[in-house]
Amino acid sequence: MATNSPAKQPHPASSHRGVFARRPASAIRDAARCWAIPALAFALLVPGAVSTASAADCTAAARPGIDWSGCNRKNLSLAGANLERAALKDTDFGLTDLTKARLTSANLEEAELVRSSLAGASADGANFTKVEAYRTDFSAISAVDASFRSAELQRANFTGAVLTGSNFEKAELGRANFAGAELADNMFGFANLARAIFSGARIAGEPDFTGAYMFLTRIEGSDLSAAKGLDQMQIDLACGDDATVLPQGLVAPASWPCAPE
């Protein structure tokens, strides 16, 4: 007579393996999504939960190396502020008083400086590339080896500034005033110098004017004997006088286009 043998029980370990084996990869992915969606929503609603906001320093006091990139610092009094090595890219300093501010090696690329004052500031090695600085006061600034490449500097005041080695390539300098400035080995290649004033500037080294637009540029009394890149057409458009010294091979026009002021 046959006897019924008890059913064989699965080993506990094999039972657990079976449970996990029955969970396909798609189920695991679905579970991960269920957790990911709430986490993403939280991150969007609370940006600070993921990282500190990039504009966290916008209202902080000025200090060396501060990051004010993209901040609104418009119409403020920051005279004498120490902003050496500061990150000031795309910062709005419109109408702000930065008189005698310390901006050595600061990065002001694409900053807004319209009608602001940097008179007497220290900005050696600073980056002013592509700044908007119409009618800005740079008088008596020290900006040795600074970059003003492709900057908007119409009617900017550089009187008495120390600009040795500064780069103004492709800058808009219409009616900018460099009277009394110290210039040496500057790059003005392809800059717009229409009606800019260099009369009375101290020009040393070999400034480069290759391709610069010099319509009615005031070069009365200027010593351009060592200048590079100048051609006769540029000289014929400019405004010089008997005291203007030209590079070898270039001559003064029969009559300069500007009457003495």
Protein backbone atom coordinates (compact mmCIF):
# COMPACT_ATOMS: atom_id res chain seq x y z
CA MET A 1 0.00 0.00 0.00
CA ALA A 2 1.45 3.28 -1.03
CA THR A 3 2.09 5.84 1.62
CA ASN A 4 1.93 9.57 1.07
CA SER A 5 5.33 11.04 1.79
CA PRO A 6 5.36 14.58 3.13
CA ALA A 7 5.88 17.31 0.53
CA LYS A 8 9.44 18.49 0.28
CA GLN A 9 9.84 21.96 1.77
CA PRO A 10 12.02 24.44 -0.11
CA HIS A 11 15.24 25.51 1.54
CA PRO A 12 14.87 29.01 3.02
CA ALA A 13 17.77 30.34 1.00
CA SER A 14 16.36 29.02 -2.23
CA SER A 15 13.00 30.57 -1.33
CA HIS A 16 14.59 34.01 -0.96
CA ARG A 17 16.43 33.55 -4.21
CA GLY A 18 13.16 32.76 -5.90
CA VAL A 19 11.51 35.91 -4.59
CA PHE A 20 14.28 38.12 -5.94
CA ALA A 21 14.50 36.12 -9.11
CA ARG A 22 10.85 36.82 -9.79
CA ARG A 23 11.48 40.61 -9.66
CA PRO A 24 12.35 41.68 -13.18
CA ALA A 25 14.69 44.60 -13.90
CA SER A 26 11.74 46.70 -15.07
CA ALA A 27 10.17 46.50 -11.61
CA ILE A 28 13.38 47.76 -10.02
CA ARG A 29 13.52 50.66 -12.50
CA ASP A 30 9.89 51.55 -11.74
CA ALA A 31 10.66 51.65 -8.03
CA ALA A 32 13.64 53.92 -8.65
CA ARG A 33 11.45 56.29 -10.64
CA CYS A 34 8.92 56.45 -7.83
CA TRP A 35 11.63 57.76 -5.52
CA ALA A 36 13.30 59.99 -8.12
CA ILE A 37 10.20 62.04 -9.03
CA PRO A 38 9.49 63.35 -5.50
CA ALA A 39 13.19 64.06 -5.03
CA LEU A 40 13.30 66.08 -8.26
CA ALA A 41 10.19 68.03 -7.28
CA PHE A 42 11.76 68.86 -3.92
CA ALA A 43 14.93 70.06 -5.59
CA LEU A 44 12.98 72.34 -7.94
CA LEU A 45 10.88 73.81 -5.14
CA VAL A 46 13.80 74.20 -2.73
CA PRO A 47 16.93 75.03 -4.79
CA GLY A 48 19.01 75.51 -1.67
CA ALA A 49 18.48 71.85 -0.78
CA VAL A 50 20.79 70.87 -3.64
CA SER A 51 23.34 73.65 -3.73
CA THR A 52 23.91 77.17 -2.55
CA ALA A 53 22.41 79.71 -4.95
CA SER A 54 25.00 81.32 -7.20
CA ALA A 55 23.75 84.78 -6.21
CA ALA A 56 24.16 84.15 -2.48
CA ASP A 57 26.83 86.87 -2.17
CA CYS A 58 24.88 89.59 -4.01
CA THR A 59 24.05 91.49 -0.82
CA ALA A 60 27.28 90.67 1.01
CA ALA A 61 29.73 93.43 1.83
CA ALA A 62 32.59 94.06 -0.56
CA ARG A 63 35.72 92.04 0.12
CA PRO A 64 38.66 90.68 -1.87
CA GLY A 65 37.72 87.72 -4.04
CA ILE A 66 33.96 88.07 -3.55
CA ASP A 67 31.67 86.56 -6.18
CA TRP A 68 29.15 89.14 -7.37
CA SER A 69 28.79 87.60 -10.83
CA GLY A 70 25.50 88.67 -12.38
CA CYS A 71 24.50 90.69 -9.31
CA ASN A 72 22.69 94.03 -9.28
CA ARG A 73 25.11 96.48 -7.65
CA LYS A 74 23.59 99.51 -9.38
CA ASN A 75 23.61 103.07 -8.04
CA LEU A 76 25.60 102.23 -4.90
CA SER A 77 28.41 104.00 -3.06
CA LEU A 78 31.42 101.65 -3.11
CA ALA A 79 34.13 104.28 -3.00
CA GLY A 80 37.38 102.78 -1.77
CA ALA A 81 35.95 99.24 -1.69
CA ASN A 82 38.44 96.38 -1.81
CA LEU A 83 37.36 94.13 -4.69
CA GLU A 84 40.74 92.75 -5.62
CA ARG A 85 40.49 89.45 -7.53
CA ALA A 86 36.70 89.65 -7.29
CA ALA A 87 34.43 87.74 -9.68
CA LEU A 88 32.33 90.53 -11.19
CA LYS A 89 31.36 89.05 -14.55
CA ASP A 90 28.10 90.53 -15.86
CA THR A 91 27.63 92.57 -12.67
CA ASP A 92 25.50 95.73 -12.99
CA PHE A 93 27.48 98.68 -11.60
CA GLY A 94 25.52 101.32 -13.53
CA LEU A 95 25.78 104.75 -11.84
CA THR A 96 27.76 103.19 -8.98
CA ASP A 97 30.54 105.15 -7.26
CA LEU A 98 33.71 103.02 -7.40
CA THR A 99 36.03 105.98 -6.88
CA LYS A 100 39.43 104.77 -5.64
CA ALA A 101 38.14 101.20 -5.45
CA ARG A 102 40.71 98.41 -5.45
CA LEU A 103 40.06 96.20 -8.47
CA THR A 104 43.47 94.67 -9.09
CA SER A 105 43.10 91.41 -11.06
CA ALA A 106 39.29 91.56 -10.77
CA ASN A 107 37.20 90.01 -13.54
CA LEU A 108 34.60 92.52 -14.79
CA GLU A 109 33.98 90.88 -18.16
CA GLU A 110 30.63 92.01 -19.63
CA ALA A 111 29.90 94.12 -16.54
CA GLU A 112 27.61 97.17 -16.77
CA LEU A 113 29.51 100.35 -15.89
CA VAL A 114 27.44 102.99 -17.67
CA ARG A 115 27.96 106.42 -16.06
CA SER A 116 29.74 104.88 -13.09
CA SER A 117 32.91 106.36 -11.61
CA LEU A 118 36.19 104.46 -11.29
CA ALA A 119 38.19 107.66 -10.88
CA GLY A 120 41.47 106.98 -9.11
CA ALA A 121 40.77 103.25 -8.87
CA SER A 122 43.53 100.61 -8.82
CA ALA A 123 42.78 98.07 -11.54
CA ASP A 124 46.11 96.69 -12.71
CA GLY A 125 45.60 93.40 -14.52
CA ALA A 126 41.82 93.71 -14.35
CA ASN A 127 39.59 92.24 -17.05
CA PHE A 128 37.19 94.80 -18.56
CA THR A 129 36.56 92.76 -21.72
CA LYS A 130 33.18 93.57 -23.30
CA VAL A 131 32.09 95.93 -20.51
CA GLU A 132 29.44 98.55 -21.25
CA ALA A 133 30.95 101.78 -20.01
CA TYR A 134 29.44 104.72 -21.90
CA ARG A 135 30.40 108.05 -20.28
CA THR A 136 32.20 106.22 -17.49
CA ASP A 137 34.80 108.10 -15.47
CA PHE A 138 38.15 106.26 -15.55
CA SER A 139 40.15 109.41 -14.84
CA ALA A 140 43.42 108.82 -12.98
CA ILE A 141 42.75 105.07 -12.85
CA SER A 142 45.76 102.75 -12.76
CA ALA A 143 44.94 99.95 -15.20
CA VAL A 144 48.36 98.62 -16.18
CA ASP A 145 48.12 95.49 -18.35
CA ALA A 146 44.32 95.54 -18.10
CA SER A 147 42.09 94.25 -20.88
CA PHE A 148 39.40 96.45 -22.45
CA ARG A 149 39.00 94.25 -25.53
CA SER A 150 35.69 94.71 -27.39
CA ALA A 151 34.47 97.07 -24.65
CA GLU A 152 31.85 99.80 -25.20
CA LEU A 153 33.71 102.91 -24.05
CA GLN A 154 32.10 105.76 -25.98
CA ARG A 155 32.80 109.13 -24.32
CA ALA A 156 34.69 107.43 -21.49
CA ASN A 157 37.04 109.68 -19.55
CA PHE A 158 40.61 108.33 -19.27
CA THR A 159 42.27 111.66 -18.52
CA GLY A 160 45.38 111.21 -16.40
CA ALA A 161 44.99 107.42 -16.39
CA VAL A 162 47.95 105.04 -16.24
CA LEU A 163 47.27 102.51 -19.01
CA THR A 164 50.67 101.01 -19.78
CA GLY A 165 50.26 97.76 -21.69
CA SER A 166 46.46 97.81 -21.64
CA ASN A 167 44.62 96.17 -24.52
CA PHE A 168 41.87 98.08 -26.37
CA GLU A 169 41.55 95.83 -29.42
CA LYS A 170 38.16 96.11 -31.14
CA ALA A 171 36.92 98.51 -28.46
CA GLU A 172 34.38 101.26 -29.18
CA LEU A 173 36.20 104.42 -28.11
CA GLY A 174 34.34 107.13 -30.01
CA ARG A 175 34.99 110.49 -28.29
CA ALA A 176 36.91 108.83 -25.45
CA ASN A 177 39.35 111.22 -23.81
CA PHE A 178 42.96 110.11 -23.15
CA ALA A 179 44.37 113.59 -22.52
CA GLY A 180 47.23 113.39 -20.04
CA ALA A 181 47.08 109.58 -19.90
CA GLU A 182 50.19 107.41 -19.78
CA LEU A 183 50.13 105.00 -22.73
CA ALA A 184 52.80 102.48 -23.68
CA ASP A 185 52.71 99.42 -25.93
CA ASN A 186 48.91 99.53 -26.06
CA MET A 187 46.87 97.51 -28.53
CA PHE A 188 44.27 99.54 -30.45
CA GLY A 189 43.89 97.11 -33.33
CA PHE A 190 40.56 97.49 -35.15
CA ALA A 191 39.26 99.81 -32.43
CA ASN A 192 36.86 102.64 -33.23
CA LEU A 193 38.79 105.79 -32.31
CA ALA A 194 36.55 108.28 -34.10
CA ARG A 195 36.91 111.69 -32.43
CA ALA A 196 38.88 110.16 -29.55
CA ILE A 197 41.33 112.55 -27.91
CA PHE A 198 45.01 111.63 -27.58
CA SER A 199 46.30 115.19 -27.48
CA GLY A 200 48.48 115.61 -24.42
CA ALA A 201 48.77 111.87 -23.79
CA ARG A 202 52.23 110.52 -23.05
CA ILE A 203 52.75 107.75 -25.62
CA ALA A 204 55.72 105.41 -25.21
CA GLY A 205 56.77 102.05 -26.57
CA GLU A 206 55.14 100.73 -29.74
CA PRO A 207 51.36 101.18 -29.64
CA ASP A 208 49.57 99.17 -32.33
CA PHE A 209 46.88 100.92 -34.39
CA THR A 210 46.43 98.22 -37.05
CA GLY A 211 43.03 98.63 -38.69
CA ALA A 212 41.86 101.25 -36.19
CA TYR A 213 39.21 103.70 -37.42
CA MET A 214 40.64 107.17 -36.85
CA PHE A 215 38.07 109.59 -38.24
CA LEU A 216 38.85 112.99 -36.69
CA THR A 217 40.93 111.35 -33.97
CA ARG A 218 42.74 114.13 -32.10
CA ILE A 219 46.48 113.50 -32.28
CA GLU A 220 47.70 117.09 -32.01
CA GLY A 221 51.14 117.10 -30.41
CA SER A 222 51.22 113.30 -30.18
CA ASP A 223 54.47 111.42 -30.73
CA LEU A 224 53.50 108.43 -32.87
CA SER A 225 56.96 107.85 -34.28
CA ALA A 226 57.18 104.31 -32.87
CA ALA A 227 53.54 103.37 -33.50
CA LYS A 228 52.81 100.20 -35.45
CA GLY A 229 50.07 99.50 -37.97
CA LEU A 230 49.36 103.09 -38.99
CA ASP A 231 48.78 103.83 -42.67
CA GLN A 232 48.44 107.03 -44.66
CA MET A 233 44.66 106.79 -44.91
CA GLN A 234 44.32 106.76 -41.12
CA ILE A 235 46.56 109.81 -40.83
CA ASP A 236 44.63 111.68 -43.52
CA LEU A 237 41.40 111.15 -41.54
CA ALA A 238 42.88 112.19 -38.20
CA CYS A 239 43.43 115.63 -36.71
CA GLY A 240 47.05 116.55 -36.07
CA ASP A 241 49.19 119.64 -36.14
CA ASP A 242 52.79 120.71 -36.71
CA ALA A 243 53.79 119.08 -33.41
CA THR A 244 52.45 115.66 -34.38
CA VAL A 245 55.29 113.18 -34.96
CA LEU A 246 54.49 110.42 -37.44
CA PRO A 247 56.18 107.07 -38.14
CA GLN A 248 58.77 106.96 -40.89
CA GLY A 249 57.14 106.77 -44.32
CA LEU A 250 53.96 108.62 -43.34
CA VAL A 251 53.43 112.32 -43.98
CA ALA A 252 51.07 114.94 -42.69
CA PRO A 253 48.26 115.85 -45.11
CA ALA A 254 48.37 119.18 -46.88
CA SER A 255 45.80 120.40 -44.38
CA TRP A 256 44.52 118.61 -41.30
CA PRO A 257 40.72 118.20 -41.29
CA CYS A 258 40.20 119.74 -37.84
CA ALA A 259 40.53 123.41 -37.03
CA PRO A 260 42.57 124.20 -33.91
CA GLU A 261 40.43 124.41 -30.78
